[in-house]
PDB file of N, CA and C in Angstrom:
ATOM      1  N   MET A   1     148.284 120.129  35.470  1.00  0.00           N
ATOM      2  CA  MET A   1     148.577 121.390  36.116  1.00  0.00           C
ATOM      3  C   MET A   1     147.259 122.139  36.324  1.00  0.00           C
ATOM      4  N   PRO A   2     147.039 122.671  37.525  1.00  0.00           N
ATOM      5  CA  PRO A   2     145.771 123.377  37.784  1.00  0.00           C
ATOM      6  C   PRO A   2     145.683 124.690  37.013  1.00  0.00           C
ATOM      7  N   LYS A   3     144.472 125.040  36.700  1.00  0.00           N
ATOM      8  CA  LYS A   3     144.229 126.293  35.983  1.00  0.00           C
ATOM      9  C   LYS A   3     143.943 127.392  37.009  1.00  0.00           C
ATOM     10  N   TYR A   4     144.623 128.515  36.871  1.00  0.00           N
ATOM     11  CA  TYR A   4     144.446 129.626  37.792  1.00  0.00           C
ATOM     12  C   TYR A   4     143.763 130.785  37.079  1.00  0.00           C
ATOM     13  N   ASP A   5     142.861 131.432  37.778  1.00  0.00           N
ATOM     14  CA  ASP A   5     142.225 132.640  37.261  1.00  0.00           C
ATOM     15  C   ASP A   5     142.865 133.842  37.947  1.00  0.00           C
ATOM     16  N   LEU A   6     143.963 134.313  37.392  1.00  0.00           N
ATOM     17  CA  LEU A   6     144.631 135.469  37.978  1.00  0.00           C
ATOM     18  C   LEU A   6     143.830 136.737  37.744  1.00  0.00           C
ATOM     19  N   PHE A   7     143.258 136.850  36.564  1.00  0.00           N
ATOM     20  CA  PHE A   7     142.465 138.019  36.214  1.00  0.00           C
ATOM     21  C   PHE A   7     141.076 137.544  35.817  1.00  0.00           C
ATOM     22  N   LYS A   8     140.204 137.464  36.793  1.00  0.00           N
ATOM     23  CA  LYS A   8     138.845 137.020  36.507  1.00  0.00           C
ATOM     24  C   LYS A   8     138.125 138.075  35.685  1.00  0.00           C
ATOM     25  N   PRO A   9     137.275 137.635  34.760  1.00  0.00           N
ATOM     26  CA  PRO A   9     136.514 138.624  33.991  1.00  0.00           C
ATOM     27  C   PRO A   9     135.561 139.385  34.909  1.00  0.00           C
ATOM     28  N   LEU A  10     135.394 140.653  34.624  1.00  0.00           N
ATOM     29  CA  LEU A  10     134.504 141.481  35.431  1.00  0.00           C
ATOM     30  C   LEU A  10     133.055 141.164  35.094  1.00  0.00           C
ATOM     31  N   ASP A  11     132.195 141.309  36.077  1.00  0.00           N
ATOM     32  CA  ASP A  11     130.760 141.162  35.854  1.00  0.00           C
ATOM     33  C   ASP A  11     130.294 142.263  34.906  1.00  0.00           C
ATOM     34  N   PHE A  12     129.228 142.014  34.183  1.00  0.00           N
ATOM     35  CA  PHE A  12     128.721 142.986  33.213  1.00  0.00           C
ATOM     36  C   PHE A  12     128.434 144.338  33.866  1.00  0.00           C
ATOM     37  N   LEU A  13     127.965 144.329  35.105  1.00  0.00           N
ATOM     38  CA  LEU A  13     127.552 145.566  35.769  1.00  0.00           C
ATOM     39  C   LEU A  13     128.604 146.136  36.722  1.00  0.00           C
ATOM     40  N   THR A  14     129.805 145.579  36.745  1.00  0.00           N
ATOM     41  CA  THR A  14     130.869 146.113  37.588  1.00  0.00           C
ATOM     42  C   THR A  14     131.253 147.511  37.109  1.00  0.00           C
ATOM     43  N   CYS A  15     131.310 148.457  38.027  1.00  0.00           N
ATOM     44  CA  CYS A  15     131.681 149.857  37.755  1.00  0.00           C
ATOM     45  C   CYS A  15     130.707 150.560  36.819  1.00  0.00           C
ATOM     46  N   VAL A  16     129.494 150.057  36.718  1.00  0.00           N
ATOM     47  CA  VAL A  16     128.459 150.724  35.925  1.00  0.00           C
ATOM     48  C   VAL A  16     127.661 151.609  36.869  1.00  0.00           C
ATOM     49  N   LYS A  17     127.582 152.891  36.543  1.00  0.00           N
ATOM     50  CA  LYS A  17     126.837 153.847  37.362  1.00  0.00           C
ATOM     51  C   LYS A  17     125.350 153.761  37.049  1.00  0.00           C
ATOM     52  N   SER A  18     125.011 153.776  35.760  1.00  0.00           N
ATOM     53  CA  SER A  18     123.602 153.696  35.373  1.00  0.00           C
ATOM     54  C   SER A  18     123.466 152.927  34.067  1.00  0.00           C
ATOM     55  N   ILE A  19     122.308 152.294  33.928  1.00  0.00           N
ATOM     56  CA  ILE A  19     122.009 151.537  32.715  1.00  0.00           C
ATOM     57  C   ILE A  19     120.534 151.731  32.387  1.00  0.00           C
ATOM     58  N   HIS A  20     120.245 151.956  31.114  1.00  0.00           N
ATOM     59  CA  HIS A  20     118.864 152.141  30.655  1.00  0.00           C
ATOM     60  C   HIS A  20     118.651 151.259  29.429  1.00  0.00           C
ATOM     61  N   VAL A  21     117.566 150.498  29.458  1.00  0.00           N
ATOM     62  CA  VAL A  21     117.224 149.604  28.356  1.00  0.00           C
ATOM     63  C   VAL A  21     115.879 150.039  27.797  1.00  0.00           C
ATOM     64  N   ALA A  22     115.822 150.302  26.498  1.00  0.00           N
ATOM     65  CA  ALA A  22     114.570 150.658  25.824  1.00  0.00           C
ATOM     66  C   ALA A  22     114.367 149.677  24.674  1.00  0.00           C
ATOM     67  N   TYR A  23     113.217 148.974  24.700  1.00  0.00           N
ATOM     68  CA  TYR A  23     112.973 148.009  23.630  1.00  0.00           C
ATOM     69  C   TYR A  23     111.484 147.773  23.431  1.00  0.00           C
ATOM     70  N   HIS A  24     111.163 147.257  22.251  1.00  0.00           N
ATOM     71  CA  HIS A  24     109.796 146.875  21.909  1.00  0.00           C
ATOM     72  C   HIS A  24     109.709 145.355  22.055  1.00  0.00           C
ATOM     73  N   PRO A  25     108.845 144.843  22.955  1.00  0.00           N
ATOM     74  CA  PRO A  25     108.809 143.404  23.233  1.00  0.00           C
ATOM     75  C   PRO A  25     108.490 142.532  22.017  1.00  0.00           C
ATOM     76  N   GLY A  26     107.752 143.045  21.058  1.00  0.00           N
ATOM     77  CA  GLY A  26     107.378 142.236  19.909  1.00  0.00           C
ATOM     78  C   GLY A  26     108.398 142.230  18.792  1.00  0.00           C
ATOM     79  N   ARG A  27     109.412 143.011  18.926  1.00  0.00           N
ATOM     80  CA  ARG A  27     110.420 143.108  17.864  1.00  0.00           C
ATOM     81  C   ARG A  27     111.354 141.894  17.890  1.00  0.00           C
ATOM     82  N   ALA A  28     111.757 141.468  16.724  1.00  0.00           N
ATOM     83  CA  ALA A  28     112.668 140.327  16.628  1.00  0.00           C
ATOM     84  C   ALA A  28     114.024 140.679  17.237  1.00  0.00           C
ATOM     85  N   ARG A  29     114.697 139.694  17.779  1.00  0.00           N
ATOM     86  CA  ARG A  29     116.037 139.809  18.358  1.00  0.00           C
ATOM     87  C   ARG A  29     116.106 140.765  19.551  1.00  0.00           C
ATOM     88  N   SER A  30     115.059 140.786  20.363  1.00  0.00           N
ATOM     89  CA  SER A  30     115.079 141.628  21.564  1.00  0.00           C
ATOM     90  C   SER A  30     115.297 140.794  22.825  1.00  0.00           C
ATOM     91  N   GLU A  31     115.718 139.545  22.659  1.00  0.00           N
ATOM     92  CA  GLU A  31     115.937 138.654  23.791  1.00  0.00           C
ATOM     93  C   GLU A  31     117.054 139.164  24.711  1.00  0.00           C
ATOM     94  N   VAL A  32     118.053 139.805  24.143  1.00  0.00           N
ATOM     95  CA  VAL A  32     119.159 140.348  24.942  1.00  0.00           C
ATOM     96  C   VAL A  32     118.634 141.371  25.943  1.00  0.00           C
ATOM     97  N   CYS A  33     117.692 142.191  25.509  1.00  0.00           N
ATOM     98  CA  CYS A  33     117.116 143.207  26.401  1.00  0.00           C
ATOM     99  C   CYS A  33     116.343 142.556  27.539  1.00  0.00           C
ATOM    100  N   ARG A  34     115.564 141.532  27.223  1.00  0.00           N
ATOM    101  CA  ARG A  34     114.818 140.831  28.275  1.00  0.00           C
ATOM    102  C   ARG A  34     115.771 140.189  29.277  1.00  0.00           C
ATOM    103  N   GLN A  35     116.819 139.550  28.788  1.00  0.00           N
ATOM    104  CA  GLN A  35     117.799 138.928  29.683  1.00  0.00           C
ATOM    105  C   GLN A  35     118.448 139.969  30.589  1.00  0.00           C
ATOM    106  N   LEU A  36     118.818 141.098  30.016  1.00  0.00           N
ATOM    107  CA  LEU A  36     119.486 142.143  30.786  1.00  0.00           C
ATOM    108  C   LEU A  36     118.551 142.753  31.827  1.00  0.00           C
ATOM    109  N   ILE A  37     117.292 142.965  31.479  1.00  0.00           N
ATOM    110  CA  ILE A  37     116.327 143.515  32.436  1.00  0.00           C
ATOM    111  C   ILE A  37     116.122 142.550  33.595  1.00  0.00           C
ATOM    112  N   HIS A  38     115.952 141.262  33.296  1.00  0.00           N
ATOM    113  CA  HIS A  38     115.788 140.276  34.371  1.00  0.00           C
ATOM    114  C   HIS A  38     117.029 140.220  35.253  1.00  0.00           C
ATOM    115  N   TYR A  39     118.191 140.336  34.645  1.00  0.00           N
ATOM    116  CA  TYR A  39     119.432 140.285  35.408  1.00  0.00           C
ATOM    117  C   TYR A  39     119.586 141.511  36.298  1.00  0.00           C
ATOM    118  N   MET A  40     119.393 142.706  35.740  1.00  0.00           N
ATOM    119  CA  MET A  40     119.652 143.920  36.523  1.00  0.00           C
ATOM    120  C   MET A  40     118.580 144.182  37.578  1.00  0.00           C
ATOM    121  N   LYS A  41     117.411 143.572  37.455  1.00  0.00           N
ATOM    122  CA  LYS A  41     116.350 143.749  38.445  1.00  0.00           C
ATOM    123  C   LYS A  41     116.304 142.618  39.474  1.00  0.00           C
ATOM    124  N   SER A  42     117.208 141.642  39.375  1.00  0.00           N
ATOM    125  CA  SER A  42     117.205 140.521  40.318  1.00  0.00           C
ATOM    126  C   SER A  42     117.756 140.959  41.682  1.00  0.00           C
ATOM    127  N   GLU A  43     117.339 140.267  42.711  1.00  0.00           N
ATOM    128  CA  GLU A  43     117.754 140.603  44.081  1.00  0.00           C
ATOM    129  C   GLU A  43     119.262 140.447  44.307  1.00  0.00           C
ATOM    130  N   PRO A  44     119.890 139.362  43.825  1.00  0.00           N
ATOM    131  CA  PRO A  44     121.348 139.267  44.034  1.00  0.00           C
ATOM    132  C   PRO A  44     122.121 140.435  43.414  1.00  0.00           C
ATOM    133  N   VAL A  45     121.678 140.915  42.266  1.00  0.00           N
ATOM    134  CA  VAL A  45     122.357 142.041  41.617  1.00  0.00           C
ATOM    135  C   VAL A  45     122.125 143.321  42.409  1.00  0.00           C
ATOM    136  N   LYS A  46     120.923 143.504  42.931  1.00  0.00           N
ATOM    137  CA  LYS A  46     120.642 144.691  43.743  1.00  0.00           C
ATOM    138  C   LYS A  46     121.490 144.706  45.010  1.00  0.00           C
ATOM    139  N   LYS A  47     121.755 143.523  45.573  1.00  0.00           N
ATOM    140  CA  LYS A  47     122.604 143.447  46.761  1.00  0.00           C
ATOM    141  C   LYS A  47     124.076 143.653  46.413  1.00  0.00           C
ATOM    142  N   LYS A  48     124.492 143.137  45.266  1.00  0.00           N
ATOM    143  CA  LYS A  48     125.892 143.236  44.861  1.00  0.00           C
ATOM    144  C   LYS A  48     126.260 144.639  44.390  1.00  0.00           C
ATOM    145  N   PHE A  49     125.312 145.321  43.728  1.00  0.00           N
ATOM    146  CA  PHE A  49     125.544 146.669  43.199  1.00  0.00           C
ATOM    147  C   PHE A  49     124.464 147.618  43.728  1.00  0.00           C
ATOM    148  N   PRO A  50     124.546 148.019  45.003  1.00  0.00           N
ATOM    149  CA  PRO A  50     123.472 148.835  45.591  1.00  0.00           C
ATOM    150  C   PRO A  50     123.363 150.245  45.006  1.00  0.00           C
ATOM    151  N   THR A  51     124.427 150.771  44.433  1.00  0.00           N
ATOM    152  CA  THR A  51     124.382 152.135  43.892  1.00  0.00           C
ATOM    153  C   THR A  51     124.016 152.178  42.411  1.00  0.00           C
ATOM    154  N   LEU A  52     123.789 151.026  41.804  1.00  0.00           N
ATOM    155  CA  LEU A  52     123.448 150.966  40.380  1.00  0.00           C
ATOM    156  C   LEU A  52     122.080 151.591  40.135  1.00  0.00           C
ATOM    157  N   GLN A  53     122.028 152.514  39.185  1.00  0.00           N
ATOM    158  CA  GLN A  53     120.763 153.128  38.777  1.00  0.00           C
ATOM    159  C   GLN A  53     120.327 152.433  37.497  1.00  0.00           C
ATOM    160  N   SER A  54     119.285 151.622  37.600  1.00  0.00           N
ATOM    161  CA  SER A  54     118.837 150.871  36.427  1.00  0.00           C
ATOM    162  C   SER A  54     117.401 151.242  36.092  1.00  0.00           C
ATOM    163  N   SER A  55     117.131 151.312  34.797  1.00  0.00           N
ATOM    164  CA  SER A  55     115.773 151.609  34.340  1.00  0.00           C
ATOM    165  C   SER A  55     115.550 150.934  32.998  1.00  0.00           C
ATOM    166  N   PHE A  56     114.278 150.734  32.682  1.00  0.00           N
ATOM    167  CA  PHE A  56     113.953 150.192  31.374  1.00  0.00           C
ATOM    168  C   PHE A  56     112.667 150.825  30.877  1.00  0.00           C
ATOM    169  N   GLN A  57     112.485 150.761  29.576  1.00  0.00           N
ATOM    170  CA  GLN A  57     111.340 151.392  28.926  1.00  0.00           C
ATOM    171  C   GLN A  57     110.819 150.430  27.864  1.00  0.00           C
ATOM    172  N   LEU A  58     109.535 150.112  27.947  1.00  0.00           N
ATOM    173  CA  LEU A  58     108.895 149.288  26.926  1.00  0.00           C
ATOM    174  C   LEU A  58     108.296 150.222  25.888  1.00  0.00           C
ATOM    175  N   LEU A  59     108.780 150.120  24.678  1.00  0.00           N
ATOM    176  CA  LEU A  59     108.334 151.011  23.612  1.00  0.00           C
ATOM    177  C   LEU A  59     107.058 150.467  22.972  1.00  0.00           C
ATOM    178  N   GLY A  60     106.139 151.359  22.653  1.00  0.00           N
ATOM    179  CA  GLY A  60     104.886 150.972  22.025  1.00  0.00           C
ATOM    180  C   GLY A  60     104.943 151.037  20.517  1.00  0.00           C
ATOM    181  N   TYR A  61     106.094 151.292  19.978  1.00  0.00           N
ATOM    182  CA  TYR A  61     106.248 151.387  18.531  1.00  0.00           C
ATOM    183  C   TYR A  61     107.486 150.586  18.131  1.00  0.00           C
ATOM    184  N   ASN A  62     107.556 150.250  16.881  1.00  0.00           N
ATOM    185  CA  ASN A  62     108.618 149.383  16.390  1.00  0.00           C
ATOM    186  C   ASN A  62     109.882 150.187  16.103  1.00  0.00           C
ATOM    187  N   SER A  63     110.732 150.321  17.096  1.00  0.00           N
ATOM    188  CA  SER A  63     112.001 151.037  16.932  1.00  0.00           C
ATOM    189  C   SER A  63     113.136 150.147  17.436  1.00  0.00           C
ATOM    190  N   PRO A  64     114.361 150.452  17.075  1.00  0.00           N
ATOM    191  CA  PRO A  64     115.488 149.613  17.507  1.00  0.00           C
ATOM    192  C   PRO A  64     115.646 149.601  19.028  1.00  0.00           C
ATOM    193  N   SER A  65     116.082 148.471  19.537  1.00  0.00           N
ATOM    194  CA  SER A  65     116.344 148.328  20.970  1.00  0.00           C
ATOM    195  C   SER A  65     117.659 149.022  21.301  1.00  0.00           C
ATOM    196  N   ILE A  66     117.629 149.868  22.322  1.00  0.00           N
ATOM    197  CA  ILE A  66     118.800 150.658  22.704  1.00  0.00           C
ATOM    198  C   ILE A  66     119.168 150.350  24.158  1.00  0.00           C
ATOM    199  N   ILE A  67     120.453 150.167  24.394  1.00  0.00           N
ATOM    200  CA  ILE A  67     120.975 149.997  25.748  1.00  0.00           C
ATOM    201  C   ILE A  67     122.004 151.097  25.971  1.00  0.00           C
ATOM    202  N   LYS A  68     121.766 151.923  27.002  1.00  0.00           N
ATOM    203  CA  LYS A  68     122.680 153.017  27.340  1.00  0.00           C
ATOM    204  C   LYS A  68     123.352 152.690  28.667  1.00  0.00           C
ATOM    205  N   ILE A  69     124.668 152.759  28.669  1.00  0.00           N
ATOM    206  CA  ILE A  69     125.455 152.421  29.855  1.00  0.00           C
ATOM    207  C   ILE A  69     126.372 153.588  30.186  1.00  0.00           C
ATOM    208  N   GLU A  70     126.364 153.992  31.471  1.00  0.00           N
ATOM    209  CA  GLU A  70     127.304 155.011  31.945  1.00  0.00           C
ATOM    210  C   GLU A  70     128.151 154.397  33.046  1.00  0.00           C
ATOM    211  N   LEU A  71     129.456 154.499  32.907  1.00  0.00           N
ATOM    212  CA  LEU A  71     130.379 153.956  33.897  1.00  0.00           C
ATOM    213  C   LEU A  71     130.627 154.976  35.005  1.00  0.00           C
ATOM    214  N   VAL A  72     131.223 154.530  36.110  1.00  0.00           N
ATOM    215  CA  VAL A  72     131.459 155.423  37.243  1.00  0.00           C
ATOM    216  C   VAL A  72     132.475 156.512  36.929  1.00  0.00           C
ATOM    217  N   ASN A  73     133.307 156.308  35.910  1.00  0.00           N
ATOM    218  CA  ASN A  73     134.271 157.347  35.532  1.00  0.00           C
ATOM    219  C   ASN A  73     133.687 158.331  34.524  1.00  0.00           C
ATOM    220  N   GLY A  74     132.391 158.234  34.235  1.00  0.00           N
ATOM    221  CA  GLY A  74     131.711 159.197  33.375  1.00  0.00           C
ATOM    222  C   GLY A  74     131.632 158.820  31.909  1.00  0.00           C
ATOM    223  N   LYS A  75     132.295 157.770  31.493  1.00  0.00           N
ATOM    224  CA  LYS A  75     132.258 157.371  30.084  1.00  0.00           C
ATOM    225  C   LYS A  75     130.921 156.705  29.773  1.00  0.00           C
ATOM    226  N   LYS A  76     130.374 157.055  28.610  1.00  0.00           N
ATOM    227  CA  LYS A  76     129.056 156.552  28.214  1.00  0.00           C
ATOM    228  C   LYS A  76     129.176 155.692  26.963  1.00  0.00           C
ATOM    229  N   HIS A  77     128.350 154.666  26.925  1.00  0.00           N
ATOM    230  CA  HIS A  77     128.302 153.760  25.779  1.00  0.00           C
ATOM    231  C   HIS A  77     126.841 153.514  25.428  1.00  0.00           C
ATOM    232  N   GLU A  78     126.573 153.418  24.135  1.00  0.00           N
ATOM    233  CA  GLU A  78     125.214 153.163  23.659  1.00  0.00           C
ATOM    234  C   GLU A  78     125.275 152.063  22.604  1.00  0.00           C
ATOM    235  N   PHE A  79     124.366 151.092  22.729  1.00  0.00           N
ATOM    236  CA  PHE A  79     124.355 149.950  21.825  1.00  0.00           C
ATOM    237  C   PHE A  79     122.963 149.731  21.253  1.00  0.00           C
ATOM    238  N   GLU A  80     122.912 149.322  19.994  1.00  0.00           N
ATOM    239  CA  GLU A  80     121.677 148.782  19.434  1.00  0.00           C
ATOM    240  C   GLU A  80     121.710 147.301  19.759  1.00  0.00           C
ATOM    241  N   ALA A  81     120.841 146.882  20.659  1.00  0.00           N
ATOM    242  CA  ALA A  81     120.923 145.546  21.243  1.00  0.00           C
ATOM    243  C   ALA A  81     120.681 144.424  20.247  1.00  0.00           C
ATOM    244  N   GLU A  82     120.043 144.715  19.144  1.00  0.00           N
ATOM    245  CA  GLU A  82     119.734 143.662  18.178  1.00  0.00           C
ATOM    246  C   GLU A  82     120.977 143.147  17.468  1.00  0.00           C
ATOM    247  N   HIS A  83     122.061 143.891  17.532  1.00  0.00           N
ATOM    248  CA  HIS A  83     123.276 143.512  16.816  1.00  0.00           C
ATOM    249  C   HIS A  83     124.342 142.884  17.712  1.00  0.00           C
ATOM    250  N   PHE A  84     124.100 142.824  19.029  1.00  0.00           N
ATOM    251  CA  PHE A  84     125.117 142.346  19.958  1.00  0.00           C
ATOM    252  C   PHE A  84     124.525 141.382  20.976  1.00  0.00           C
ATOM    253  N   SER A  85     125.354 140.456  21.442  1.00  0.00           N
ATOM    254  CA  SER A  85     125.005 139.661  22.615  1.00  0.00           C
ATOM    255  C   SER A  85     125.534 140.423  23.835  1.00  0.00           C
ATOM    256  N   LEU A  86     125.188 139.957  25.037  1.00  0.00           N
ATOM    257  CA  LEU A  86     125.682 140.628  26.246  1.00  0.00           C
ATOM    258  C   LEU A  86     127.212 140.570  26.308  1.00  0.00           C
ATOM    259  N   ARG A  87     127.776 139.449  25.935  1.00  0.00           N
ATOM    260  CA  ARG A  87     129.236 139.305  25.965  1.00  0.00           C
ATOM    261  C   ARG A  87     129.901 140.244  24.958  1.00  0.00           C
ATOM    262  N   GLU A  88     129.317 140.369  23.768  1.00  0.00           N
ATOM    263  CA  GLU A  88     129.883 141.263  22.762  1.00  0.00           C
ATOM    264  C   GLU A  88     129.803 142.720  23.208  1.00  0.00           C
ATOM    265  N   MET A  89     128.703 143.083  23.882  1.00  0.00           N
ATOM    266  CA  MET A  89     128.593 144.451  24.403  1.00  0.00           C
ATOM    267  C   MET A  89     129.667 144.712  25.446  1.00  0.00           C
ATOM    268  N   GLN A  90     129.853 143.740  26.347  1.00  0.00           N
ATOM    269  CA  GLN A  90     130.853 143.932  27.387  1.00  0.00           C
ATOM    270  C   GLN A  90     132.253 144.032  26.783  1.00  0.00           C
ATOM    271  N   MET A  91     132.513 143.297  25.737  1.00  0.00           N
ATOM    272  CA  MET A  91     133.819 143.385  25.078  1.00  0.00           C
ATOM    273  C   MET A  91     134.034 144.771  24.477  1.00  0.00           C
ATOM    274  N   ARG A  92     132.955 145.438  24.071  1.00  0.00           N
ATOM    275  CA  ARG A  92     133.069 146.778  23.484  1.00  0.00           C
ATOM    276  C   ARG A  92     133.475 147.828  24.522  1.00  0.00           C
ATOM    277  N   PHE A  93     132.969 147.687  25.770  1.00  0.00           N
ATOM    278  CA  PHE A  93     133.319 148.690  26.783  1.00  0.00           C
ATOM    279  C   PHE A  93     134.231 148.121  27.871  1.00  0.00           C
ATOM    280  N   ASP A  94     134.856 146.980  27.593  1.00  0.00           N
ATOM    281  CA  ASP A  94     135.699 146.299  28.570  1.00  0.00           C
ATOM    282  C   ASP A  94     136.894 147.140  29.016  1.00  0.00           C
ATOM    283  N   LYS A  95     137.561 147.810  28.094  1.00  0.00           N
ATOM    284  CA  LYS A  95     138.742 148.608  28.450  1.00  0.00           C
ATOM    285  C   LYS A  95     138.365 149.742  29.403  1.00  0.00           C
ATOM    286  N   ASP A  96     137.291 150.467  29.089  1.00  0.00           N
ATOM    287  CA  ASP A  96     136.847 151.553  29.969  1.00  0.00           C
ATOM    288  C   ASP A  96     136.388 151.008  31.317  1.00  0.00           C
ATOM    289  N   GLN A  97     135.715 149.864  31.305  1.00  0.00           N
ATOM    290  CA  GLN A  97     135.237 149.250  32.537  1.00  0.00           C
ATOM    291  C   GLN A  97     136.422 148.829  33.411  1.00  0.00           C
ATOM    292  N   TYR A  98     137.438 148.257  32.810  1.00  0.00           N
ATOM    293  CA  TYR A  98     138.607 147.811  33.566  1.00  0.00           C
ATOM    294  C   TYR A  98     139.382 148.992  34.147  1.00  0.00           C
ATOM    295  N   GLU A  99     139.509 150.079  33.379  1.00  0.00           N
ATOM    296  CA  GLU A  99     140.177 151.281  33.890  1.00  0.00           C
ATOM    297  C   GLU A  99     139.415 151.862  35.076  1.00  0.00           C
ATOM    298  N   ALA A 100     138.087 151.887  34.995  1.00  0.00           N
ATOM    299  CA  ALA A 100     137.277 152.371  36.114  1.00  0.00           C
ATOM    300  C   ALA A 100     137.431 151.458  37.325  1.00  0.00           C
ATOM    301  N   TYR A 101     137.527 150.167  37.082  1.00  0.00           N
ATOM    302  CA  TYR A 101     137.707 149.197  38.162  1.00  0.00           C
ATOM    303  C   TYR A 101     139.051 149.407  38.863  1.00  0.00           C
ATOM    304  N   LEU A 102     140.113 149.642  38.091  1.00  0.00           N
ATOM    305  CA  LEU A 102     141.427 149.888  38.691  1.00  0.00           C
ATOM    306  C   LEU A 102     141.428 151.162  39.533  1.00  0.00           C
ATOM    307  N   GLU A 103     140.793 152.220  39.038  1.00  0.00           N
ATOM    308  CA  GLU A 103     140.693 153.464  39.809  1.00  0.00           C
ATOM    309  C   GLU A 103     139.919 153.235  41.106  1.00  0.00           C
ATOM    310  N   LEU A 104     138.854 152.462  41.027  1.00  0.00           N
ATOM    311  CA  LEU A 104     138.052 152.158  42.210  1.00  0.00           C
ATOM    312  C   LEU A 104     138.867 151.362  43.223  1.00  0.00           C
ATOM    313  N   MET A 105     139.652 150.408  42.744  1.00  0.00           N
ATOM    314  CA  MET A 105     140.475 149.601  43.642  1.00  0.00           C
ATOM    315  C   MET A 105     141.571 150.436  44.299  1.00  0.00           C
ATOM    316  N   LYS A 106     142.108 151.422  43.582  1.00  0.00           N
ATOM    317  CA  LYS A 106     143.130 152.296  44.173  1.00  0.00           C
ATOM    318  C   LYS A 106     142.551 153.121  45.312  1.00  0.00           C
ATOM    319  N   THR A 107     141.335 153.592  45.158  1.00  0.00           N
ATOM    320  CA  THR A 107     140.738 154.440  46.193  1.00  0.00           C
ATOM    321  C   THR A 107     140.172 153.634  47.353  1.00  0.00           C
ATOM    322  N   GLN A 108     139.793 152.376  47.112  1.00  0.00           N
ATOM    323  CA  GLN A 108     139.164 151.582  48.163  1.00  0.00           C
ATOM    324  C   GLN A 108     140.078 150.526  48.769  1.00  0.00           C
ATOM    325  N   SER A 109     141.331 150.490  48.363  1.00  0.00           N
ATOM    326  CA  SER A 109     142.254 149.487  48.869  1.00  0.00           C
ATOM    327  C   SER A 109     142.535 149.724  50.351  1.00  0.00           C
ATOM    328  N   ILE A 110     142.542 148.654  51.135  1.00  0.00           N
ATOM    329  CA  ILE A 110     142.843 148.801  52.563  1.00  0.00           C
ATOM    330  C   ILE A 110     144.343 148.970  52.784  1.00  0.00           C
ATOM    331  N   GLU A 111     145.146 148.657  51.764  1.00  0.00           N
ATOM    332  CA  GLU A 111     146.590 148.814  51.872  1.00  0.00           C
ATOM    333  C   GLU A 111     147.062 150.196  51.439  1.00  0.00           C
ATOM    334  N   ALA A 112     146.207 150.959  50.793  1.00  0.00           N
ATOM    335  CA  ALA A 112     146.602 152.278  50.288  1.00  0.00           C
ATOM    336  C   ALA A 112     146.799 153.249  51.445  1.00  0.00           C
ATOM    337  N   LYS A 113     147.821 154.062  51.310  1.00  0.00           N
ATOM    338  CA  LYS A 113     148.091 155.081  52.318  1.00  0.00           C
ATOM    339  C   LYS A 113     147.711 156.430  51.732  1.00  0.00           C
ATOM    340  N   PRO A 114     147.197 157.334  52.542  1.00  0.00           N
ATOM    341  CA  PRO A 114     146.819 158.647  52.018  1.00  0.00           C
ATOM    342  C   PRO A 114     148.019 159.361  51.401  1.00  0.00           C
ATOM    343  N   GLY A 115     147.817 159.940  50.236  1.00  0.00           N
ATOM    344  CA  GLY A 115     148.863 160.686  49.558  1.00  0.00           C
ATOM    345  C   GLY A 115     149.841 159.828  48.781  1.00  0.00           C
ATOM    346  N   GLU A 116     149.597 158.549  48.717  1.00  0.00           N
ATOM    347  CA  GLU A 116     150.501 157.650  48.003  1.00  0.00           C
ATOM    348  C   GLU A 116     149.915 157.318  46.636  1.00  0.00           C
ATOM    349  N   ASP A 117     150.644 157.653  45.587  1.00  0.00           N
ATOM    350  CA  ASP A 117     150.192 157.371  44.225  1.00  0.00           C
ATOM    351  C   ASP A 117     151.211 156.483  43.536  1.00  0.00           C
ATOM    352  N   ASP A 118     150.717 155.484  42.841  1.00  0.00           N
ATOM    353  CA  ASP A 118     151.591 154.631  42.034  1.00  0.00           C
ATOM    354  C   ASP A 118     151.594 155.146  40.613  1.00  0.00           C
ATOM    355  N   LEU A 119     152.755 155.229  40.031  1.00  0.00           N
ATOM    356  CA  LEU A 119     152.861 155.696  38.649  1.00  0.00           C
ATOM    357  C   LEU A 119     152.890 154.573  37.703  1.00  0.00           C
TER     358      LEU A 119
END
């Protein structure tokens, strides 16, 4: 029997308004920050998410790596990157991300009629 993906997992940056990564390159377990910076600064991501505001900061002192994420619905999340993988971080804000995605789909649907709300 074929496997169907009815609900595909959302991309890490789907419905993300802004993301800021601050890390010290020499600190242990900062690979997640490097991966995320390379991902969010790549050309395919810039084309896929043109309104994404992304920034990063290389710290000159030994402090914890911080990733700050703000979703389009205004909810903010902050992570110490040394304790999480990218997948674990996404699992932490997945519910808020999915709710923002549903709201976005309601407003951008080509089938939606003005003044029509689903309860």
